[in-house]
Structure formats: structure tokens, C-alpha cells
Amino acid sequence: LALCFVLAEKLPNDIRWVVESKEYQMLCHQVYDVAEEKLRNIIATNGSHANQAIIMDLDETVLDNSRYQVENFEKGESFNMESWADWVNRSEAGLVPGVQEYINLVREMNIQLIFISNRMDARLESTKNNMKQLNIYDENDIYLLRLDKNDKKHIRREEVFKGSNRMASYGPFDVIM
């Protein structure tokens, strides 16, 4: 325990805040509580219908990668694609506080979850394995990870809206959040 305290004292403030702060945890829960309330209001106002979807990012929205940051700090490294790829392949990210309850609600409402992330598509299986380990994986979720450097998020969002390219077999979605 003392060793953890000594390490935490050396961590940069931003990493230490995410790893140790009760405020960070409370704010994450608050964000997802507000998202749940907004979702309930959207459904109460507009009803639910086929092809409704919610798009979520993965890293620092669903998956907590603070351990990756701590490990980099311990090694005297900063973010780099090689260590990031190794981290993603380990499938060891945690959950952002509050996200599990939100995802459970989305699924209870039969709304399609679409994850758009800048993780590379080559690490899709590792990402799914991580989600399975965290008990938030569902085989019906859609993952649109980067195919290459040119595959920007706005391109993938358009595919969801229009039902084009990778989304052609699904058709267009009504993205409600």
C-alpha cells in the first residue's frame, strides 16, 4: 500500500486525478446519469422505433485506459502507437465509472449500440475480448474501428447515417445520441 502511495505521489496530476480522485468517479457517474435521463426523455417524447442507434466512442468513454498511462509513466514513456497496440491487444482496460448502467439501459430499450473508435480495426478482436471480460459485450453491437489513417470518424458517422459502405447491410440509422 505504501508503494502505491509513493508511486501515486509521482504520477502527473492528470493521471493521478483519474486513478485516485473520487471527484473523477462522481463526475463520470453524473455524466452517465444525465445521459440516461436524456435518453429516457427522448424515448418518452419521440417513442422508440426500429433503427434507432446510439454512437459511443470507446477509449475514455467506455474503456478506462488509465492503467496504460500509469505503466507508461513507470517506464518513462509517453503515448506511442507500439505501446498502445500492445495495450489494446492485452484486453485489460477497465470500465469508465457509470458506463455499465448506461449501456444496460440502452440495451433494455433495444437501441443499437455503435462504437466508433480510432482504435485500428486490426485490433477488433482484442477490443471485443476486453468488452467480454468487462461483461459489456453484446454480439449485436457494431464496431467501426479505423481501417487506415484516412478512415476518419466523420466518415464512419456518415456511413451510419446513410447506411453506406460498412453499414450497407444494416441500412441507415436514426442516431438519437
N, C-alpha and C. Protein backbone atom coordinates (compact mmCIF):
# COMPACT_ATOMS: atom_id res chain seq x y z
N LEU A 1 0.83 -1.20 0.00
CA LEU A 1 0.00 0.00 0.00
C LEU A 1 0.86 1.25 0.00
N ALA A 2 1.93 1.24 0.79
CA ALA A 2 2.81 2.40 0.84
C ALA A 2 3.47 2.64 -0.51
N LEU A 3 3.83 1.55 -1.20
CA LEU A 3 4.44 1.68 -2.52
C LEU A 3 3.49 2.35 -3.50
N CYS A 4 2.21 1.98 -3.46
CA CYS A 4 1.22 2.60 -4.33
C CYS A 4 1.12 4.08 -4.03
N PHE A 5 1.18 4.45 -2.75
CA PHE A 5 1.07 5.85 -2.38
C PHE A 5 2.27 6.63 -2.91
N VAL A 6 3.47 6.04 -2.78
CA VAL A 6 4.68 6.70 -3.26
C VAL A 6 4.58 6.89 -4.77
N LEU A 7 4.15 5.84 -5.51
CA LEU A 7 4.01 5.94 -6.95
C LEU A 7 2.99 7.02 -7.31
N ALA A 8 1.87 7.02 -6.61
CA ALA A 8 0.82 7.98 -6.91
C ALA A 8 1.31 9.41 -6.69
N GLU A 9 2.18 9.60 -5.73
CA GLU A 9 2.70 10.95 -5.49
C GLU A 9 3.53 11.42 -6.67
N LYS A 10 4.14 10.50 -7.40
CA LYS A 10 4.98 10.87 -8.53
C LYS A 10 4.20 10.99 -9.83
N LEU A 11 3.03 10.43 -9.89
CA LEU A 11 2.24 10.48 -11.12
C LEU A 11 1.89 11.92 -11.46
N PRO A 12 1.85 12.25 -12.75
CA PRO A 12 1.38 13.58 -13.14
C PRO A 12 -0.06 13.78 -12.64
N ASN A 13 -0.41 15.03 -12.40
CA ASN A 13 -1.72 15.35 -11.82
C ASN A 13 -2.88 14.79 -12.62
N ASP A 14 -2.82 14.85 -13.97
CA ASP A 14 -3.96 14.38 -14.76
C ASP A 14 -4.18 12.88 -14.59
N ILE A 15 -3.11 12.11 -14.57
CA ILE A 15 -3.24 10.66 -14.40
C ILE A 15 -3.67 10.35 -12.97
N ARG A 16 -3.05 11.01 -12.02
CA ARG A 16 -3.39 10.77 -10.61
C ARG A 16 -4.86 11.11 -10.35
N TRP A 17 -5.37 12.16 -10.97
CA TRP A 17 -6.77 12.55 -10.77
C TRP A 17 -7.70 11.44 -11.24
N VAL A 18 -7.44 10.87 -12.40
CA VAL A 18 -8.29 9.81 -12.93
C VAL A 18 -8.17 8.55 -12.07
N VAL A 19 -6.98 8.22 -11.64
CA VAL A 19 -6.74 6.98 -10.91
C VAL A 19 -7.24 7.05 -9.47
N GLU A 20 -7.10 8.21 -8.82
CA GLU A 20 -7.38 8.27 -7.38
C GLU A 20 -8.58 9.11 -6.97
N SER A 21 -8.97 10.05 -7.77
CA SER A 21 -9.94 11.04 -7.34
C SER A 21 -11.36 10.50 -7.27
N LYS A 22 -11.98 10.71 -6.16
CA LYS A 22 -13.42 10.41 -6.02
C LYS A 22 -14.22 11.38 -6.90
N GLU A 23 -13.71 12.58 -7.06
CA GLU A 23 -14.39 13.57 -7.89
C GLU A 23 -14.51 13.07 -9.33
N TYR A 24 -13.44 12.49 -9.87
CA TYR A 24 -13.49 11.94 -11.23
C TYR A 24 -14.58 10.88 -11.33
N GLN A 25 -14.60 9.97 -10.39
CA GLN A 25 -15.61 8.91 -10.40
C GLN A 25 -17.02 9.49 -10.33
N MET A 26 -17.22 10.46 -9.45
CA MET A 26 -18.53 11.07 -9.30
C MET A 26 -18.95 11.82 -10.56
N LEU A 27 -18.00 12.51 -11.19
CA LEU A 27 -18.32 13.24 -12.42
C LEU A 27 -18.69 12.28 -13.55
N CYS A 28 -17.98 11.17 -13.65
CA CYS A 28 -18.32 10.17 -14.67
C CYS A 28 -19.73 9.64 -14.44
N HIS A 29 -20.04 9.29 -13.20
CA HIS A 29 -21.39 8.83 -12.88
C HIS A 29 -22.43 9.90 -13.22
N GLN A 30 -22.10 11.15 -12.91
CA GLN A 30 -23.02 12.24 -13.20
C GLN A 30 -23.26 12.37 -14.70
N VAL A 31 -22.22 12.27 -15.50
CA VAL A 31 -22.36 12.35 -16.96
C VAL A 31 -23.29 11.25 -17.45
N TYR A 32 -23.09 10.04 -16.97
CA TYR A 32 -23.94 8.94 -17.44
C TYR A 32 -25.35 9.01 -16.87
N ASP A 33 -25.50 9.55 -15.66
CA ASP A 33 -26.86 9.77 -15.13
C ASP A 33 -27.62 10.76 -16.01
N VAL A 34 -26.95 11.83 -16.42
CA VAL A 34 -27.58 12.82 -17.30
C VAL A 34 -27.90 12.18 -18.65
N ALA A 35 -26.99 11.36 -19.17
CA ALA A 35 -27.24 10.68 -20.45
C ALA A 35 -28.44 9.75 -20.34
N GLU A 36 -28.56 9.05 -19.22
CA GLU A 36 -29.73 8.17 -19.01
C GLU A 36 -31.02 8.98 -18.99
N GLU A 37 -30.99 10.10 -18.28
CA GLU A 37 -32.18 10.96 -18.20
C GLU A 37 -32.55 11.49 -19.59
N LYS A 38 -31.55 11.93 -20.34
CA LYS A 38 -31.79 12.45 -21.68
C LYS A 38 -32.36 11.34 -22.57
N LEU A 39 -31.82 10.15 -22.48
CA LEU A 39 -32.31 9.03 -23.28
C LEU A 39 -33.77 8.72 -22.93
N ARG A 40 -34.09 8.68 -21.65
CA ARG A 40 -35.48 8.42 -21.24
C ARG A 40 -36.41 9.51 -21.80
N ASN A 41 -35.96 10.77 -21.78
CA ASN A 41 -36.77 11.87 -22.31
C ASN A 41 -36.96 11.75 -23.82
N ILE A 42 -35.92 11.39 -24.52
CA ILE A 42 -36.02 11.22 -25.97
C ILE A 42 -37.04 10.15 -26.31
N ILE A 43 -36.98 9.03 -25.61
CA ILE A 43 -37.91 7.92 -25.88
C ILE A 43 -39.32 8.30 -25.46
N ALA A 44 -39.46 9.00 -24.33
CA ALA A 44 -40.80 9.42 -23.88
C ALA A 44 -41.42 10.42 -24.86
N THR A 45 -40.61 11.27 -25.45
CA THR A 45 -41.10 12.30 -26.36
C THR A 45 -41.35 11.76 -27.76
N ASN A 46 -40.40 10.99 -28.26
CA ASN A 46 -40.45 10.55 -29.66
C ASN A 46 -40.82 9.08 -29.83
N GLY A 47 -40.87 8.35 -28.72
CA GLY A 47 -41.13 6.92 -28.82
C GLY A 47 -39.91 6.18 -29.33
N SER A 48 -40.02 4.88 -29.34
CA SER A 48 -38.91 4.10 -29.87
C SER A 48 -39.37 3.45 -31.16
N HIS A 49 -38.43 3.26 -32.07
CA HIS A 49 -38.74 2.63 -33.34
C HIS A 49 -37.49 1.92 -33.85
N ALA A 50 -37.68 1.12 -34.87
CA ALA A 50 -36.57 0.36 -35.44
C ALA A 50 -35.50 1.32 -35.95
N ASN A 51 -34.31 0.84 -35.94
CA ASN A 51 -33.14 1.54 -36.46
C ASN A 51 -32.73 2.77 -35.65
N GLN A 52 -33.10 2.84 -34.38
CA GLN A 52 -32.54 3.87 -33.52
C GLN A 52 -31.17 3.39 -33.06
N ALA A 53 -30.25 4.32 -32.96
CA ALA A 53 -28.90 3.96 -32.54
C ALA A 53 -28.31 5.04 -31.65
N ILE A 54 -27.36 4.60 -30.86
CA ILE A 54 -26.53 5.50 -30.07
C ILE A 54 -25.10 5.18 -30.46
N ILE A 55 -24.36 6.23 -30.83
CA ILE A 55 -22.94 6.09 -31.16
C ILE A 55 -22.13 6.47 -29.94
N MET A 56 -21.19 5.60 -29.60
CA MET A 56 -20.29 5.87 -28.48
C MET A 56 -18.86 5.67 -28.93
N ASP A 57 -17.97 6.47 -28.39
CA ASP A 57 -16.55 6.24 -28.53
C ASP A 57 -16.19 5.12 -27.55
N LEU A 58 -15.00 4.59 -27.63
CA LEU A 58 -14.58 3.55 -26.70
C LEU A 58 -13.63 4.08 -25.63
N ASP A 59 -12.51 4.63 -26.05
CA ASP A 59 -11.45 4.97 -25.10
C ASP A 59 -11.78 6.23 -24.32
N GLU A 60 -11.77 6.07 -23.02
CA GLU A 60 -12.10 7.10 -22.03
C GLU A 60 -13.56 7.50 -22.08
N THR A 61 -14.37 6.76 -22.79
CA THR A 61 -15.82 6.93 -22.78
C THR A 61 -16.45 5.66 -22.22
N VAL A 62 -16.00 4.53 -22.71
CA VAL A 62 -16.42 3.21 -22.22
C VAL A 62 -15.25 2.55 -21.50
N LEU A 63 -14.11 2.53 -22.15
CA LEU A 63 -12.93 1.85 -21.62
C LEU A 63 -11.98 2.83 -20.95
N ASP A 64 -11.60 2.50 -19.72
CA ASP A 64 -10.67 3.31 -18.93
C ASP A 64 -9.26 2.78 -19.16
N ASN A 65 -8.43 3.57 -19.80
CA ASN A 65 -7.06 3.17 -20.11
C ASN A 65 -6.04 3.82 -19.19
N SER A 66 -6.46 4.22 -18.01
CA SER A 66 -5.53 4.91 -17.11
C SER A 66 -4.36 4.01 -16.71
N ARG A 67 -4.60 2.71 -16.65
CA ARG A 67 -3.51 1.79 -16.30
C ARG A 67 -2.41 1.85 -17.37
N TYR A 68 -2.79 1.99 -18.62
CA TYR A 68 -1.80 2.16 -19.69
C TYR A 68 -0.95 3.41 -19.43
N GLN A 69 -1.60 4.49 -19.02
CA GLN A 69 -0.87 5.73 -18.73
C GLN A 69 0.07 5.56 -17.54
N VAL A 70 -0.39 4.85 -16.52
CA VAL A 70 0.46 4.60 -15.35
C VAL A 70 1.67 3.76 -15.75
N GLU A 71 1.43 2.71 -16.53
CA GLU A 71 2.54 1.86 -16.97
C GLU A 71 3.54 2.65 -17.80
N ASN A 72 3.05 3.51 -18.69
CA ASN A 72 3.96 4.35 -19.48
C ASN A 72 4.78 5.24 -18.56
N PHE A 73 4.12 5.84 -17.58
CA PHE A 73 4.82 6.71 -16.64
C PHE A 73 5.92 5.94 -15.92
N GLU A 74 5.59 4.73 -15.45
CA GLU A 74 6.57 3.90 -14.74
C GLU A 74 7.78 3.57 -15.61
N LYS A 75 7.55 3.45 -16.92
CA LYS A 75 8.65 3.13 -17.86
C LYS A 75 9.32 4.39 -18.41
N GLY A 76 8.83 5.57 -18.01
CA GLY A 76 9.40 6.80 -18.51
C GLY A 76 9.04 7.08 -19.96
N GLU A 77 7.92 6.53 -20.41
CA GLU A 77 7.48 6.70 -21.80
C GLU A 77 6.23 7.55 -21.85
N SER A 78 5.94 8.05 -23.04
CA SER A 78 4.66 8.70 -23.28
C SER A 78 3.92 7.88 -24.32
N PHE A 79 2.71 8.31 -24.66
CA PHE A 79 1.91 7.58 -25.63
C PHE A 79 2.71 7.35 -26.91
N ASN A 80 2.64 6.12 -27.41
CA ASN A 80 3.21 5.81 -28.72
C ASN A 80 2.41 4.64 -29.29
N MET A 81 2.37 4.56 -30.60
CA MET A 81 1.50 3.58 -31.26
C MET A 81 1.89 2.14 -30.94
N GLU A 82 3.15 1.87 -30.76
CA GLU A 82 3.58 0.50 -30.46
C GLU A 82 3.09 0.06 -29.09
N SER A 83 3.31 0.88 -28.08
CA SER A 83 2.86 0.50 -26.73
C SER A 83 1.33 0.50 -26.66
N TRP A 84 0.69 1.42 -27.42
CA TRP A 84 -0.78 1.46 -27.44
C TRP A 84 -1.33 0.16 -28.05
N ALA A 85 -0.75 -0.27 -29.15
CA ALA A 85 -1.20 -1.51 -29.80
C ALA A 85 -1.02 -2.69 -28.85
N ASP A 86 0.11 -2.74 -28.16
CA ASP A 86 0.34 -3.82 -27.17
C ASP A 86 -0.72 -3.77 -26.08
N TRP A 87 -1.02 -2.57 -25.58
CA TRP A 87 -2.02 -2.41 -24.53
C TRP A 87 -3.39 -2.89 -25.00
N VAL A 88 -3.81 -2.45 -26.16
CA VAL A 88 -5.12 -2.86 -26.69
C VAL A 88 -5.16 -4.37 -26.85
N ASN A 89 -4.10 -4.97 -27.35
CA ASN A 89 -4.06 -6.42 -27.54
C ASN A 89 -4.11 -7.19 -26.22
N ARG A 90 -3.69 -6.56 -25.14
CA ARG A 90 -3.77 -7.22 -23.82
C ARG A 90 -5.20 -7.30 -23.31
N SER A 91 -6.09 -6.49 -23.82
CA SER A 91 -7.52 -6.50 -23.43
C SER A 91 -7.70 -6.31 -21.93
N GLU A 92 -7.00 -5.34 -21.35
CA GLU A 92 -7.02 -5.15 -19.90
C GLU A 92 -7.58 -3.81 -19.45
N ALA A 93 -8.16 -3.05 -20.35
CA ALA A 93 -8.73 -1.76 -19.94
C ALA A 93 -9.88 -2.02 -18.97
N GLY A 94 -10.12 -1.07 -18.08
CA GLY A 94 -11.25 -1.15 -17.16
C GLY A 94 -12.44 -0.40 -17.74
N LEU A 95 -13.45 -0.24 -16.92
CA LEU A 95 -14.66 0.50 -17.32
C LEU A 95 -14.63 1.91 -16.76
N VAL A 96 -15.07 2.85 -17.55
CA VAL A 96 -15.28 4.21 -17.05
C VAL A 96 -16.45 4.14 -16.07
N PRO A 97 -16.33 4.76 -14.90
CA PRO A 97 -17.41 4.70 -13.92
C PRO A 97 -18.75 5.16 -14.50
N GLY A 98 -19.80 4.39 -14.26
CA GLY A 98 -21.15 4.74 -14.68
C GLY A 98 -21.56 4.22 -16.03
N VAL A 99 -20.62 3.79 -16.86
CA VAL A 99 -20.96 3.39 -18.22
C VAL A 99 -21.74 2.08 -18.27
N GLN A 100 -21.47 1.17 -17.36
CA GLN A 100 -22.16 -0.12 -17.42
C GLN A 100 -23.67 0.04 -17.27
N GLU A 101 -24.09 0.87 -16.33
CA GLU A 101 -25.52 1.09 -16.12
C GLU A 101 -26.15 1.74 -17.36
N TYR A 102 -25.43 2.67 -17.96
CA TYR A 102 -25.94 3.34 -19.16
C TYR A 102 -26.09 2.34 -20.31
N ILE A 103 -25.08 1.55 -20.54
CA ILE A 103 -25.14 0.55 -21.62
C ILE A 103 -26.26 -0.44 -21.35
N ASN A 104 -26.43 -0.85 -20.10
CA ASN A 104 -27.53 -1.77 -19.76
C ASN A 104 -28.88 -1.16 -20.12
N LEU A 105 -29.06 0.13 -19.83
CA LEU A 105 -30.32 0.81 -20.15
C LEU A 105 -30.53 0.86 -21.67
N VAL A 106 -29.50 1.19 -22.41
CA VAL A 106 -29.60 1.25 -23.87
C VAL A 106 -30.05 -0.10 -24.41
N ARG A 107 -29.47 -1.15 -23.89
CA ARG A 107 -29.84 -2.50 -24.36
C ARG A 107 -31.26 -2.87 -23.94
N GLU A 108 -31.66 -2.50 -22.73
CA GLU A 108 -33.03 -2.76 -22.28
C GLU A 108 -34.04 -2.09 -23.20
N MET A 109 -33.67 -0.94 -23.75
CA MET A 109 -34.56 -0.19 -24.64
C MET A 109 -34.45 -0.66 -26.09
N ASN A 110 -33.66 -1.70 -26.33
CA ASN A 110 -33.47 -2.26 -27.68
C ASN A 110 -32.97 -1.23 -28.69
N ILE A 111 -32.04 -0.41 -28.25
CA ILE A 111 -31.43 0.59 -29.12
C ILE A 111 -30.06 0.06 -29.53
N GLN A 112 -29.75 0.18 -30.80
CA GLN A 112 -28.49 -0.32 -31.34
C GLN A 112 -27.32 0.49 -30.82
N LEU A 113 -26.30 -0.19 -30.30
CA LEU A 113 -25.07 0.48 -29.91
C LEU A 113 -24.06 0.36 -31.04
N ILE A 114 -23.49 1.49 -31.41
CA ILE A 114 -22.46 1.53 -32.44
C ILE A 114 -21.24 2.22 -31.83
N PHE A 115 -20.14 1.49 -31.80
CA PHE A 115 -18.90 2.03 -31.25
C PHE A 115 -18.02 2.50 -32.40
N ILE A 116 -17.72 3.80 -32.41
CA ILE A 116 -16.81 4.37 -33.39
C ILE A 116 -15.56 4.80 -32.63
N SER A 117 -14.45 4.20 -32.99
CA SER A 117 -13.21 4.43 -32.25
C SER A 117 -12.05 4.59 -33.21
N ASN A 118 -11.03 5.30 -32.76
CA ASN A 118 -9.80 5.41 -33.55
C ASN A 118 -8.86 4.25 -33.29
N ARG A 119 -9.31 3.25 -32.54
CA ARG A 119 -8.54 2.01 -32.47
C ARG A 119 -8.50 1.42 -33.88
N MET A 120 -7.42 0.75 -34.19
CA MET A 120 -7.30 0.15 -35.52
C MET A 120 -8.14 -1.12 -35.61
N ASP A 121 -8.77 -1.29 -36.76
CA ASP A 121 -9.63 -2.45 -36.99
C ASP A 121 -8.88 -3.77 -36.81
N ALA A 122 -7.58 -3.76 -37.01
CA ALA A 122 -6.77 -4.96 -36.81
C ALA A 122 -6.85 -5.46 -35.37
N ARG A 123 -7.25 -4.58 -34.44
CA ARG A 123 -7.36 -4.97 -33.03
C ARG A 123 -8.82 -5.12 -32.57
N LEU A 124 -9.70 -5.37 -33.53
CA LEU A 124 -11.11 -5.53 -33.21
C LEU A 124 -11.35 -6.70 -32.25
N GLU A 125 -10.75 -7.84 -32.50
CA GLU A 125 -10.98 -9.00 -31.63
C GLU A 125 -10.47 -8.75 -30.22
N SER A 126 -9.33 -8.09 -30.09
CA SER A 126 -8.81 -7.75 -28.76
C SER A 126 -9.77 -6.80 -28.04
N THR A 127 -10.33 -5.87 -28.79
CA THR A 127 -11.29 -4.93 -28.21
C THR A 127 -12.54 -5.67 -27.75
N LYS A 128 -13.05 -6.55 -28.58
CA LYS A 128 -14.23 -7.35 -28.19
C LYS A 128 -13.92 -8.23 -26.98
N ASN A 129 -12.73 -8.82 -26.95
CA ASN A 129 -12.35 -9.63 -25.78
C ASN A 129 -12.34 -8.80 -24.51
N ASN A 130 -11.84 -7.58 -24.61
CA ASN A 130 -11.85 -6.69 -23.45
C ASN A 130 -13.28 -6.41 -23.00
N MET A 131 -14.15 -6.15 -23.96
CA MET A 131 -15.56 -5.88 -23.64
C MET A 131 -16.20 -7.12 -22.99
N LYS A 132 -15.85 -8.30 -23.47
CA LYS A 132 -16.37 -9.55 -22.88
C LYS A 132 -15.91 -9.70 -21.44
N GLN A 133 -14.64 -9.44 -21.19
CA GLN A 133 -14.10 -9.55 -19.84
C GLN A 133 -14.78 -8.59 -18.87
N LEU A 134 -15.26 -7.48 -19.39
CA LEU A 134 -15.92 -6.47 -18.56
C LEU A 134 -17.44 -6.67 -18.49
N ASN A 135 -17.92 -7.74 -19.13
CA ASN A 135 -19.36 -8.07 -19.15
C ASN A 135 -20.21 -6.97 -19.79
N ILE A 136 -19.67 -6.32 -20.82
CA ILE A 136 -20.46 -5.33 -21.54
C ILE A 136 -20.52 -5.63 -23.03
N TYR A 137 -20.04 -6.79 -23.42
CA TYR A 137 -20.07 -7.18 -24.83
C TYR A 137 -21.45 -7.72 -25.19
N ASP A 138 -21.91 -7.38 -26.38
CA ASP A 138 -23.12 -7.96 -26.94
C ASP A 138 -22.83 -8.22 -28.42
N GLU A 139 -23.18 -9.39 -28.88
CA GLU A 139 -22.87 -9.75 -30.26
C GLU A 139 -23.57 -8.88 -31.29
N ASN A 140 -24.60 -8.15 -30.86
CA ASN A 140 -25.32 -7.27 -31.78
C ASN A 140 -24.71 -5.87 -31.89
N ASP A 141 -23.74 -5.57 -31.04
CA ASP A 141 -23.08 -4.26 -31.13
C ASP A 141 -22.32 -4.17 -32.45
N ILE A 142 -22.21 -2.96 -32.95
CA ILE A 142 -21.48 -2.70 -34.19
C ILE A 142 -20.23 -1.90 -33.82
N TYR A 143 -19.11 -2.32 -34.38
CA TYR A 143 -17.83 -1.65 -34.15
C TYR A 143 -17.31 -1.10 -35.48
N LEU A 144 -17.06 0.18 -35.51
CA LEU A 144 -16.45 0.81 -36.68
C LEU A 144 -15.11 1.39 -36.24
N LEU A 145 -14.08 0.56 -36.33
CA LEU A 145 -12.74 0.97 -35.98
C LEU A 145 -12.01 1.41 -37.25
N ARG A 146 -10.90 2.08 -37.08
CA ARG A 146 -10.17 2.65 -38.22
C ARG A 146 -9.55 1.57 -39.10
N LEU A 147 -9.76 1.72 -40.39
CA LEU A 147 -9.12 0.82 -41.35
C LEU A 147 -7.72 1.31 -41.69
N ASP A 148 -7.54 2.63 -41.74
CA ASP A 148 -6.25 3.24 -42.05
C ASP A 148 -6.29 4.71 -41.60
N LYS A 149 -5.22 5.43 -41.87
CA LYS A 149 -5.12 6.82 -41.42
C LYS A 149 -6.18 7.72 -42.03
N ASN A 150 -6.66 7.38 -43.21
CA ASN A 150 -7.66 8.20 -43.89
C ASN A 150 -9.09 7.94 -43.40
N ASP A 151 -9.28 6.90 -42.63
CA ASP A 151 -10.61 6.50 -42.16
C ASP A 151 -10.98 7.30 -40.91
N LYS A 152 -11.35 8.53 -41.11
CA LYS A 152 -11.66 9.45 -40.00
C LYS A 152 -13.04 9.17 -39.42
N LYS A 153 -13.26 9.61 -38.20
CA LYS A 153 -14.54 9.35 -37.52
C LYS A 153 -15.72 9.95 -38.28
N HIS A 154 -15.57 11.12 -38.86
CA HIS A 154 -16.69 11.72 -39.57
C HIS A 154 -17.12 10.86 -40.77
N ILE A 155 -16.20 10.17 -41.37
CA ILE A 155 -16.52 9.26 -42.48
C ILE A 155 -17.36 8.09 -41.96
N ARG A 156 -16.96 7.54 -40.84
CA ARG A 156 -17.69 6.40 -40.27
C ARG A 156 -19.07 6.81 -39.76
N ARG A 157 -19.19 8.04 -39.20
CA ARG A 157 -20.51 8.52 -38.78
C ARG A 157 -21.43 8.65 -39.97
N GLU A 158 -20.92 9.18 -41.07
CA GLU A 158 -21.72 9.29 -42.29
C GLU A 158 -22.20 7.93 -42.77
N GLU A 159 -21.36 6.92 -42.65
CA GLU A 159 -21.76 5.56 -43.03
C GLU A 159 -22.95 5.10 -42.20
N VAL A 160 -22.96 5.46 -40.92
CA VAL A 160 -24.08 5.10 -40.04
C VAL A 160 -25.34 5.85 -40.48
N PHE A 161 -25.23 7.15 -40.69
CA PHE A 161 -26.38 7.97 -41.07
C PHE A 161 -26.98 7.53 -42.40
N LYS A 162 -26.13 7.21 -43.35
CA LYS A 162 -26.58 6.89 -44.71
C LYS A 162 -26.78 5.39 -44.97
N GLY A 163 -26.26 4.55 -44.07
CA GLY A 163 -26.32 3.12 -44.31
C GLY A 163 -25.46 2.71 -45.50
N SER A 164 -24.29 3.30 -45.59
CA SER A 164 -23.41 3.05 -46.73
C SER A 164 -22.14 2.33 -46.31
N ASN A 165 -21.41 1.85 -47.31
CA ASN A 165 -20.13 1.18 -47.12
C ASN A 165 -20.25 0.06 -46.08
N ARG A 166 -19.53 0.14 -44.98
CA ARG A 166 -19.57 -0.94 -43.97
C ARG A 166 -20.95 -1.09 -43.35
N MET A 167 -21.76 -0.08 -43.44
CA MET A 167 -23.09 -0.11 -42.82
C MET A 167 -24.19 -0.47 -43.82
N ALA A 168 -23.83 -0.79 -45.06
CA ALA A 168 -24.83 -1.05 -46.11
C ALA A 168 -25.77 -2.19 -45.73
N SER A 169 -25.29 -3.22 -45.08
CA SER A 169 -26.15 -4.35 -44.73
C SER A 169 -27.13 -4.02 -43.61
N TYR A 170 -26.89 -2.92 -42.88
CA TYR A 170 -27.77 -2.51 -41.78
C TYR A 170 -28.80 -1.48 -42.23
N GLY A 171 -28.45 -0.71 -43.23
CA GLY A 171 -29.28 0.42 -43.62
C GLY A 171 -28.97 1.61 -42.74
N PRO A 172 -29.59 2.75 -43.02
CA PRO A 172 -29.30 3.95 -42.22
C PRO A 172 -29.91 3.84 -40.82
N PHE A 173 -29.29 4.51 -39.89
CA PHE A 173 -29.79 4.55 -38.51
C PHE A 173 -30.23 5.96 -38.15
N ASP A 174 -31.22 6.03 -37.28
CA ASP A 174 -31.65 7.27 -36.66
C ASP A 174 -30.81 7.39 -35.39
N VAL A 175 -29.77 8.20 -35.43
CA VAL A 175 -28.87 8.34 -34.29
C VAL A 175 -29.51 9.31 -33.31
N ILE A 176 -29.90 8.80 -32.16
CA ILE A 176 -30.61 9.63 -31.18
C ILE A 176 -29.67 10.22 -30.12
N MET A 177 -28.49 9.66 -30.00
CA MET A 177 -27.49 10.21 -29.08
C MET A 177 -26.12 9.81 -29.60
